[in-house]
Structure formats: structure tokens, C-alpha cells
Amino acid sequence: MTTERKVAVVTGASSGIGRAIADKFLSDGYRLVVMARSEPELLEIKQRAPEDVLVVTGDVTKAADLDRLVADAVSTYGTVDVVIPNAGAAKVVPFAESDPAAIAEQFNLNFVAATETVRKLLPHIKSGGSVIFITTFLTTVGFPGLAIYNSSKAALKSFAQTLAAELAPRGIRVNSLAPGPIATPLWGKAGLPEDVLASVAETLNKRLMTGGFGEPNDIAETALFLASPGAKNIYGQEIVVDGGYTIG
């Protein structure tokens, strides 16, 4: 008798944390649906196991692309077990420049797109399934210039707590995973000059118990646990993986 293999959907899977999560779940025997705007990196994942990886190129902020993600996932696998709407971005915007357009840009990607990804896939998530939102350690500490980003992720944290209670009767667990400082391409895309980034990194490192940034695989390992039977009694929690930054 063979056990049916589980299916995980990961957005923002082309690099950084999303790529690490996709690689980790694939190594653990999951079949994957991976989505990002850049196709070459997704095809690299598919090369590892061509029969077990469905590549969907698209932008999570576009409804048509999300609809295609759902349609392709369902037509290929029928149902899904784990949804990780990882796609997101941090952009440094001083409060004085945080006009409605700047706020909408980050909330549309970090909050609206993440929740829409789950909403559209919800009819196809199996009982016993899991949803894992990616937030940030900055939901609990302040950081200049990131008021919009932090707020969008704090909203996602709150959303996950409520959705956990709503979906529990359906047998679907919802949690969020909050990375601390992680060495990914996202770090260099925050909109700060390299010398400022280096100075910020030095300050952060002094507060980290490990003395340095974490690795994307640290987050992937925790995501795999949250999706596993070992986490069957964890609902609506934000698991912080930050090298001890928030206790320093």
C-alpha cells in the first residue's frame, strides 16, 4: 500500500526563503506548485524532479495570475495540502513619504496578495492541510523606515490568528512564521545604499545570539515542521526564528 504524496504551493519561490522552502519540501517528498515572476529559477527547481514540480510564472498581485495558479494546481494535482504565500518585499519608506500610494504598494503585495492566494486556493485545501504565512520579527520591534512593511506583516499576523479559528473546524491549521535577519536577496532590495546596509547589518549582528544573519534554510526547516504532524496542535501562532534578536 502506498501513501499519497502531499502537495505544497509556494509563491515567491525563485530565490531566498521561498526557494529554500521549495527545495526543503521537495527533498521531504512533497510535490510542488511553485510561482514567481522569474521563470528560469523556477525551472531550476523543476530540474530536480521534473514529474513532481509544477511551474507557474506570474505576479501574485494580479488576480488573473492567481486564478491561473489555482487552475493549474487543481488540474495537475486535484487538491493541495500546504499553502505558503511567501511572495513579499520590504521597502524602506520614511514616514514623511508614506502616502496612500506607498502604503497601497506594500500592503497589496505583503497582505492582500498573500490572503488572496489562500482565499482562492481554499476550496482545494484538504482536511489536515496547513497554511503558513510569512511575517517578520519586526512585528514586535520598531525599525526606522519600515513602518509600512512592518504594518503589512503585523496585519498578516493578526489575520492568521483569526483565520486559524475560522478554518480549524475544516481541519486546516493556520500559522505564521516570522524570520529574523536572513541573508537573502531581499536584504539588498530594501532601497538603502550599500554603506547604510552594511552599517545596519553590523548593528543587527551585535544583537544576534549567533553573531550573524540566519540562513534561508533555517526558515525552511521550521516551515516543514509547521506543516508536519508534529505540529498538529499548533494553531494561530507566530513562530519567530530570529537568532534571539527579539530577546536581546
C-alpha atoms as a PDB file:
ATOM      1  CA  MET A   1       0.000   0.000   0.000  1.00  0.00           C
ATOM      2  CA  THR A   2       1.425   3.407  -0.978  1.00  0.00           C
ATOM      3  CA  THR A   3       0.804   6.672   0.788  1.00  0.00           C
ATOM      4  CA  GLU A   4      -0.410   9.534  -1.387  1.00  0.00           C
ATOM      5  CA  ARG A   5       2.224  12.240  -1.578  1.00  0.00           C
ATOM      6  CA  LYS A   6       1.324  15.692  -0.326  1.00  0.00           C
ATOM      7  CA  VAL A   7       1.237  18.832  -2.439  1.00  0.00           C
ATOM      8  CA  ALA A   8       2.647  22.204  -1.358  1.00  0.00           C
ATOM      9  CA  VAL A   9       2.082  25.548  -3.083  1.00  0.00           C
ATOM     10  CA  VAL A  10       4.872  28.092  -2.578  1.00  0.00           C
ATOM     11  CA  THR A  11       4.829  31.603  -4.026  1.00  0.00           C
ATOM     12  CA  GLY A  12       7.899  33.785  -4.333  1.00  0.00           C
ATOM     13  CA  ALA A  13       9.808  30.547  -4.834  1.00  0.00           C
ATOM     14  CA  SER A  14      12.501  31.823  -7.184  1.00  0.00           C
ATOM     15  CA  SER A  15      15.001  32.933  -4.524  1.00  0.00           C
ATOM     16  CA  GLY A  16      15.736  33.438  -0.855  1.00  0.00           C
ATOM     17  CA  ILE A  17      13.369  31.988   1.703  1.00  0.00           C
ATOM     18  CA  GLY A  18      10.809  30.872  -0.888  1.00  0.00           C
ATOM     19  CA  ARG A  19      13.439  28.934  -2.825  1.00  0.00           C
ATOM     20  CA  ALA A  20      14.745  27.314   0.350  1.00  0.00           C
ATOM     21  CA  ILE A  21      11.217  26.290   1.364  1.00  0.00           C
ATOM     22  CA  ALA A  22      10.518  24.807  -2.056  1.00  0.00           C
ATOM     23  CA  ASP A  23      13.785  22.852  -2.033  1.00  0.00           C
ATOM     24  CA  LYS A  24      13.191  21.583   1.508  1.00  0.00           C
ATOM     25  CA  PHE A  25       9.634  20.405   0.843  1.00  0.00           C
ATOM     26  CA  LEU A  26      10.700  18.725  -2.384  1.00  0.00           C
ATOM     27  CA  SER A  27      13.506  16.907  -0.566  1.00  0.00           C
ATOM     28  CA  ASP A  28      10.961  15.745   2.015  1.00  0.00           C
ATOM     29  CA  GLY A  29       8.842  14.078  -0.661  1.00  0.00           C
ATOM     30  CA  TYR A  30       6.265  16.755  -1.397  1.00  0.00           C
ATOM     31  CA  ARG A  31       5.062  17.521  -4.877  1.00  0.00           C
ATOM     32  CA  LEU A  32       5.231  21.242  -5.576  1.00  0.00           C
ATOM     33  CA  VAL A  33       3.459  24.115  -7.252  1.00  0.00           C
ATOM     34  CA  VAL A  34       5.957  26.995  -7.386  1.00  0.00           C
ATOM     35  CA  MET A  35       5.175  30.528  -8.510  1.00  0.00           C
ATOM     36  CA  ALA A  36       7.259  33.651  -9.104  1.00  0.00           C
ATOM     37  CA  ARG A  37       7.672  36.321 -11.745  1.00  0.00           C
ATOM     38  CA  SER A  38      11.009  34.905 -12.919  1.00  0.00           C
ATOM     39  CA  GLU A  39      10.750  31.540 -14.671  1.00  0.00           C
ATOM     40  CA  PRO A  40      14.420  30.429 -15.015  1.00  0.00           C
ATOM     41  CA  GLU A  41      14.879  29.996 -11.253  1.00  0.00           C
ATOM     42  CA  LEU A  42      11.636  28.020 -11.006  1.00  0.00           C
ATOM     43  CA  LEU A  43      12.807  25.740 -13.791  1.00  0.00           C
ATOM     44  CA  GLU A  44      15.944  25.037 -11.753  1.00  0.00           C
ATOM     45  CA  ILE A  45      13.695  23.609  -9.044  1.00  0.00           C
ATOM     46  CA  LYS A  46      11.786  21.572 -11.614  1.00  0.00           C
ATOM     47  CA  GLN A  47      15.019  20.089 -12.964  1.00  0.00           C
ATOM     48  CA  ARG A  48      15.500  18.306  -9.648  1.00  0.00           C
ATOM     49  CA  ALA A  49      12.273  16.346 -10.066  1.00  0.00           C
ATOM     50  CA  PRO A  50      10.522  17.132 -13.370  1.00  0.00           C
ATOM     51  CA  GLU A  51       7.475  14.985 -12.596  1.00  0.00           C
ATOM     52  CA  ASP A  52       6.932  16.500  -9.155  1.00  0.00           C
ATOM     53  CA  VAL A  53       7.197  20.244  -9.750  1.00  0.00           C
ATOM     54  CA  LEU A  54       4.608  22.414 -11.483  1.00  0.00           C
ATOM     55  CA  VAL A  55       5.960  25.804 -12.534  1.00  0.00           C
ATOM     56  CA  VAL A  56       3.571  28.764 -12.758  1.00  0.00           C
ATOM     57  CA  THR A  57       5.068  32.096 -13.795  1.00  0.00           C
ATOM     58  CA  GLY A  58       3.114  35.104 -12.606  1.00  0.00           C
ATOM     59  CA  ASP A  59       2.625  38.082 -10.326  1.00  0.00           C
ATOM     60  CA  VAL A  60       0.716  37.403  -7.095  1.00  0.00           C
ATOM     61  CA  THR A  61      -0.710  40.934  -7.123  1.00  0.00           C
ATOM     62  CA  LYS A  62      -2.594  40.169 -10.354  1.00  0.00           C
ATOM     63  CA  ALA A  63      -5.896  38.334  -9.968  1.00  0.00           C
ATOM     64  CA  ALA A  64      -5.626  36.648 -13.352  1.00  0.00           C
ATOM     65  CA  ASP A  65      -2.241  35.189 -12.445  1.00  0.00           C
ATOM     66  CA  LEU A  66      -3.551  33.854  -9.129  1.00  0.00           C
ATOM     67  CA  ASP A  67      -6.544  32.333 -10.913  1.00  0.00           C
ATOM     68  CA  ARG A  68      -4.142  30.597 -13.284  1.00  0.00           C
ATOM     69  CA  LEU A  69      -2.099  29.355 -10.327  1.00  0.00           C
ATOM     70  CA  VAL A  70      -5.187  27.760  -8.823  1.00  0.00           C
ATOM     71  CA  ALA A  71      -6.429  26.331 -12.116  1.00  0.00           C
ATOM     72  CA  ASP A  72      -3.057  24.790 -12.965  1.00  0.00           C
ATOM     73  CA  ALA A  73      -2.586  23.373  -9.468  1.00  0.00           C
ATOM     74  CA  VAL A  74      -6.034  21.788  -9.419  1.00  0.00           C
ATOM     75  CA  SER A  75      -5.834  20.411 -12.949  1.00  0.00           C
ATOM     76  CA  THR A  76      -2.449  18.855 -12.183  1.00  0.00           C
ATOM     77  CA  TYR A  77      -2.878  17.584  -8.625  1.00  0.00           C
ATOM     78  CA  GLY A  78      -6.583  17.864  -7.813  1.00  0.00           C
ATOM     79  CA  THR A  79      -6.074  19.140  -4.276  1.00  0.00           C
ATOM     80  CA  VAL A  80      -3.332  20.730  -2.188  1.00  0.00           C
ATOM     81  CA  ASP A  81      -2.136  20.123   1.356  1.00  0.00           C
ATOM     82  CA  VAL A  82       0.074  23.080   2.211  1.00  0.00           C
ATOM     83  CA  VAL A  83      -0.102  26.693   1.063  1.00  0.00           C
ATOM     84  CA  ILE A  84       2.784  29.064   1.772  1.00  0.00           C
ATOM     85  CA  PRO A  85       2.139  32.530   0.265  1.00  0.00           C
ATOM     86  CA  ASN A  86       5.734  33.629   0.682  1.00  0.00           C
ATOM     87  CA  ALA A  87       5.923  36.334  -2.015  1.00  0.00           C
ATOM     88  CA  GLY A  88       6.582  39.738  -0.485  1.00  0.00           C
ATOM     89  CA  ALA A  89       9.039  42.606  -0.282  1.00  0.00           C
ATOM     90  CA  ALA A  90      10.402  45.130   2.175  1.00  0.00           C
ATOM     91  CA  LYS A  91      10.924  48.689   1.010  1.00  0.00           C
ATOM     92  CA  VAL A  92      12.314  51.436   3.175  1.00  0.00           C
ATOM     93  CA  VAL A  93       9.958  54.429   3.051  1.00  0.00           C
ATOM     94  CA  PRO A  94      10.290  57.232   5.636  1.00  0.00           C
ATOM     95  CA  PHE A  95       7.025  58.100   7.338  1.00  0.00           C
ATOM     96  CA  ALA A  96       7.007  61.547   5.730  1.00  0.00           C
ATOM     97  CA  GLU A  97       6.840  59.837   2.335  1.00  0.00           C
ATOM     98  CA  SER A  98       4.321  57.176   3.345  1.00  0.00           C
ATOM     99  CA  ASP A  99       1.472  58.473   1.236  1.00  0.00           C
ATOM    100  CA  PRO A 100      -1.521  56.281   0.266  1.00  0.00           C
ATOM    101  CA  ALA A 101       0.238  55.082  -2.896  1.00  0.00           C
ATOM    102  CA  ALA A 102       3.292  53.910  -0.969  1.00  0.00           C
ATOM    103  CA  ILE A 103       1.096  52.191   1.600  1.00  0.00           C
ATOM    104  CA  ALA A 104      -1.036  50.506  -1.054  1.00  0.00           C
ATOM    105  CA  GLU A 105       2.035  49.197  -2.886  1.00  0.00           C
ATOM    106  CA  GLN A 106       3.369  47.235   0.078  1.00  0.00           C
ATOM    107  CA  PHE A 107       0.004  46.191   1.514  1.00  0.00           C
ATOM    108  CA  ASN A 108      -1.126  44.900  -1.886  1.00  0.00           C
ATOM    109  CA  LEU A 109       1.904  42.625  -2.089  1.00  0.00           C
ATOM    110  CA  ASN A 110       2.533  41.651   1.512  1.00  0.00           C
ATOM    111  CA  PHE A 111      -1.039  41.416   2.788  1.00  0.00           C
ATOM    112  CA  VAL A 112      -3.670  41.415   0.051  1.00  0.00           C
ATOM    113  CA  ALA A 113      -1.809  39.107  -2.333  1.00  0.00           C
ATOM    114  CA  ALA A 114      -0.952  36.674   0.457  1.00  0.00           C
ATOM    115  CA  THR A 115      -4.527  36.452   1.708  1.00  0.00           C
ATOM    116  CA  GLU A 116      -5.929  36.261  -1.826  1.00  0.00           C
ATOM    117  CA  THR A 117      -3.602  33.377  -2.633  1.00  0.00           C
ATOM    118  CA  VAL A 118      -5.063  31.441   0.277  1.00  0.00           C
ATOM    119  CA  ARG A 119      -8.660  32.504  -0.388  1.00  0.00           C
ATOM    120  CA  LYS A 120      -8.540  31.324  -3.989  1.00  0.00           C
ATOM    121  CA  LEU A 121      -6.904  28.017  -3.056  1.00  0.00           C
ATOM    122  CA  LEU A 122      -9.106  27.430  -0.004  1.00  0.00           C
ATOM    123  CA  PRO A 123     -11.763  25.269  -1.722  1.00  0.00           C
ATOM    124  CA  HIS A 124      -8.995  22.863  -2.714  1.00  0.00           C
ATOM    125  CA  ILE A 125      -7.058  22.572   0.576  1.00  0.00           C
ATOM    126  CA  LYS A 126      -7.585  19.137   2.076  1.00  0.00           C
ATOM    127  CA  SER A 127      -8.626  18.468   5.663  1.00  0.00           C
ATOM    128  CA  GLY A 128      -5.423  18.015   7.615  1.00  0.00           C
ATOM    129  CA  GLY A 129      -3.804  20.706   5.493  1.00  0.00           C
ATOM    130  CA  SER A 130      -1.800  23.695   6.606  1.00  0.00           C
ATOM    131  CA  VAL A 131      -1.437  27.362   5.714  1.00  0.00           C
ATOM    132  CA  ILE A 132       1.787  29.133   6.669  1.00  0.00           C
ATOM    133  CA  PHE A 133       2.057  32.903   6.275  1.00  0.00           C
ATOM    134  CA  ILE A 134       5.479  34.541   6.274  1.00  0.00           C
ATOM    135  CA  THR A 135       5.608  37.598   8.542  1.00  0.00           C
ATOM    136  CA  THR A 136       8.694  39.158  10.165  1.00  0.00           C
ATOM    137  CA  PHE A 137      10.389  39.567  13.547  1.00  0.00           C
ATOM    138  CA  LEU A 138       9.761  43.282  13.018  1.00  0.00           C
ATOM    139  CA  THR A 139       6.108  42.825  14.010  1.00  0.00           C
ATOM    140  CA  THR A 140       7.401  43.016  17.600  1.00  0.00           C
ATOM    141  CA  VAL A 141      10.158  45.630  17.316  1.00  0.00           C
ATOM    142  CA  GLY A 142      10.375  49.012  15.643  1.00  0.00           C
ATOM    143  CA  PHE A 143      12.748  49.790  12.798  1.00  0.00           C
ATOM    144  CA  PRO A 144      13.028  53.253  11.186  1.00  0.00           C
ATOM    145  CA  GLY A 145      11.776  53.498   7.621  1.00  0.00           C
ATOM    146  CA  LEU A 146       9.870  50.231   7.709  1.00  0.00           C
ATOM    147  CA  ALA A 147       6.578  51.400   9.200  1.00  0.00           C
ATOM    148  CA  ILE A 148       4.592  50.348   6.121  1.00  0.00           C
ATOM    149  CA  TYR A 149       6.322  46.999   5.708  1.00  0.00           C
ATOM    150  CA  ASN A 150       6.064  46.149   9.408  1.00  0.00           C
ATOM    151  CA  SER A 151       2.409  47.139   9.491  1.00  0.00           C
ATOM    152  CA  SER A 152       1.573  44.994   6.466  1.00  0.00           C
ATOM    153  CA  LYS A 153       3.188  41.999   8.144  1.00  0.00           C
ATOM    154  CA  ALA A 154       1.553  42.759  11.504  1.00  0.00           C
ATOM    155  CA  ALA A 155      -1.803  42.756   9.728  1.00  0.00           C
ATOM    156  CA  LEU A 156      -0.918  39.373   8.257  1.00  0.00           C
ATOM    157  CA  LYS A 157      -0.011  38.040  11.700  1.00  0.00           C
ATOM    158  CA  SER A 158      -3.382  39.136  13.088  1.00  0.00           C
ATOM    159  CA  PHE A 159      -5.171  37.748  10.053  1.00  0.00           C
ATOM    160  CA  ALA A 160      -3.518  34.354  10.539  1.00  0.00           C
ATOM    161  CA  GLN A 161      -4.690  34.185  14.149  1.00  0.00           C
ATOM    162  CA  THR A 162      -8.295  34.811  13.192  1.00  0.00           C
ATOM    163  CA  LEU A 163      -8.204  32.570  10.143  1.00  0.00           C
ATOM    164  CA  ALA A 164      -6.831  29.769  12.319  1.00  0.00           C
ATOM    165  CA  ALA A 165     -10.004  29.855  14.395  1.00  0.00           C
ATOM    166  CA  GLU A 166     -12.185  30.043  11.283  1.00  0.00           C
ATOM    167  CA  LEU A 167     -10.587  27.129   9.448  1.00  0.00           C
ATOM    168  CA  ALA A 168      -9.956  24.814  12.402  1.00  0.00           C
ATOM    169  CA  PRO A 169     -13.403  23.165  12.044  1.00  0.00           C
ATOM    170  CA  ARG A 170     -12.396  22.230   8.496  1.00  0.00           C
ATOM    171  CA  GLY A 171      -9.254  20.534   9.764  1.00  0.00           C
ATOM    172  CA  ILE A 172      -6.936  23.174   8.302  1.00  0.00           C
ATOM    173  CA  ARG A 173      -4.254  24.657  10.526  1.00  0.00           C
ATOM    174  CA  VAL A 174      -3.074  28.242  10.030  1.00  0.00           C
ATOM    175  CA  ASN A 175       0.105  29.722  11.477  1.00  0.00           C
ATOM    176  CA  SER A 176       2.677  32.339  10.595  1.00  0.00           C
ATOM    177  CA  LEU A 177       6.442  32.164  10.522  1.00  0.00           C
ATOM    178  CA  ALA A 178       8.475  35.267  11.360  1.00  0.00           C
ATOM    179  CA  PRO A 179      12.033  35.309  10.014  1.00  0.00           C
ATOM    180  CA  GLY A 180      14.628  37.480  11.681  1.00  0.00           C
ATOM    181  CA  PRO A 181      17.600  38.897   9.769  1.00  0.00           C
ATOM    182  CA  ILE A 182      18.201  36.379   6.977  1.00  0.00           C
ATOM    183  CA  ALA A 183      20.870  36.568   4.295  1.00  0.00           C
ATOM    184  CA  THR A 184      18.709  36.727   1.149  1.00  0.00           C
ATOM    185  CA  PRO A 185      18.496  38.900  -1.994  1.00  0.00           C
ATOM    186  CA  LEU A 186      15.582  40.727  -0.298  1.00  0.00           C
ATOM    187  CA  TRP A 187      18.051  42.360   2.082  1.00  0.00           C
ATOM    188  CA  GLY A 188      19.756  44.157  -0.794  1.00  0.00           C
ATOM    189  CA  LYS A 189      16.464  45.316  -2.292  1.00  0.00           C
ATOM    190  CA  ALA A 190      15.266  47.351   0.675  1.00  0.00           C
ATOM    191  CA  GLY A 191      16.206  50.587  -1.058  1.00  0.00           C
ATOM    192  CA  LEU A 192      19.199  51.573   1.070  1.00  0.00           C
ATOM    193  CA  PRO A 193      22.738  52.407  -0.127  1.00  0.00           C
ATOM    194  CA  GLU A 194      25.300  49.636   0.361  1.00  0.00           C
ATOM    195  CA  ASP A 195      27.190  51.512   3.074  1.00  0.00           C
ATOM    196  CA  VAL A 196      23.983  52.019   5.051  1.00  0.00           C
ATOM    197  CA  LEU A 197      23.062  48.344   4.631  1.00  0.00           C
ATOM    198  CA  ALA A 198      26.493  47.355   5.921  1.00  0.00           C
ATOM    199  CA  SER A 199      26.093  49.626   8.951  1.00  0.00           C
ATOM    200  CA  VAL A 200      22.633  48.250   9.713  1.00  0.00           C
ATOM    201  CA  ALA A 201      23.896  44.679   9.334  1.00  0.00           C
ATOM    202  CA  GLU A 202      26.711  45.367  11.800  1.00  0.00           C
ATOM    203  CA  THR A 203      24.232  46.725  14.336  1.00  0.00           C
ATOM    204  CA  LEU A 204      21.927  43.744  13.890  1.00  0.00           C
ATOM    205  CA  ASN A 205      24.752  41.227  14.208  1.00  0.00           C
ATOM    206  CA  LYS A 206      25.689  42.577  17.642  1.00  0.00           C
ATOM    207  CA  ARG A 207      22.223  41.678  18.909  1.00  0.00           C
ATOM    208  CA  LEU A 208      22.026  38.214  17.357  1.00  0.00           C
ATOM    209  CA  MET A 209      22.912  35.262  19.593  1.00  0.00           C
ATOM    210  CA  THR A 210      24.668  33.601  16.666  1.00  0.00           C
ATOM    211  CA  GLY A 211      26.640  36.725  15.795  1.00  0.00           C
ATOM    212  CA  GLY A 212      25.370  36.766  12.233  1.00  0.00           C
ATOM    213  CA  PHE A 213      22.377  36.624   9.922  1.00  0.00           C
ATOM    214  CA  GLY A 214      20.437  33.394   9.650  1.00  0.00           C
ATOM    215  CA  GLU A 215      20.160  31.284   6.512  1.00  0.00           C
ATOM    216  CA  PRO A 216      17.063  30.722   4.354  1.00  0.00           C
ATOM    217  CA  ASN A 217      17.214  27.040   5.247  1.00  0.00           C
ATOM    218  CA  ASP A 218      16.605  27.940   8.908  1.00  0.00           C
ATOM    219  CA  ILE A 219      13.185  29.199   7.887  1.00  0.00           C
ATOM    220  CA  ALA A 220      12.564  26.285   5.539  1.00  0.00           C
ATOM    221  CA  GLU A 221      13.195  23.771   8.313  1.00  0.00           C
ATOM    222  CA  THR A 222      10.662  25.491  10.561  1.00  0.00           C
ATOM    223  CA  ALA A 223       8.101  25.713   7.760  1.00  0.00           C
ATOM    224  CA  LEU A 224       8.452  21.980   7.148  1.00  0.00           C
ATOM    225  CA  PHE A 225       7.847  21.326  10.839  1.00  0.00           C
ATOM    226  CA  LEU A 226       4.768  23.577  10.940  1.00  0.00           C
ATOM    227  CA  ALA A 227       3.297  21.601   8.033  1.00  0.00           C
ATOM    228  CA  SER A 228       4.070  18.257   9.664  1.00  0.00           C
ATOM    229  CA  PRO A 229       2.006  16.057  12.006  1.00  0.00           C
ATOM    230  CA  GLY A 230       4.447  17.065  14.738  1.00  0.00           C
ATOM    231  CA  ALA A 231       2.789  20.490  14.742  1.00  0.00           C
ATOM    232  CA  LYS A 232      -0.775  19.135  14.787  1.00  0.00           C
ATOM    233  CA  ASN A 233      -1.601  21.022  17.989  1.00  0.00           C
ATOM    234  CA  ILE A 234      -0.223  24.412  16.885  1.00  0.00           C
ATOM    235  CA  TYR A 235      -2.900  26.882  15.756  1.00  0.00           C
ATOM    236  CA  GLY A 236      -2.704  30.604  15.049  1.00  0.00           C
ATOM    237  CA  GLN A 237       0.831  31.069  16.329  1.00  0.00           C
ATOM    238  CA  GLU A 238       3.609  33.257  15.015  1.00  0.00           C
ATOM    239  CA  ILE A 239       6.819  31.245  15.260  1.00  0.00           C
ATOM    240  CA  VAL A 240       9.765  33.645  15.454  1.00  0.00           C
ATOM    241  CA  VAL A 241      13.077  32.426  14.028  1.00  0.00           C
ATOM    242  CA  ASP A 242      15.342  35.401  14.600  1.00  0.00           C
ATOM    243  CA  GLY A 243      18.583  34.276  16.181  1.00  0.00           C
ATOM    244  CA  GLY A 244      17.400  35.702  19.503  1.00  0.00           C
ATOM    245  CA  TYR A 245      17.120  39.296  18.260  1.00  0.00           C
ATOM    246  CA  THR A 246      13.787  39.990  19.953  1.00  0.00           C
ATOM    247  CA  ILE A 247      15.003  38.805  23.370  1.00  0.00           C
ATOM    248  CA  GLY A 248      18.256  40.789  23.292  1.00  0.00           C
END
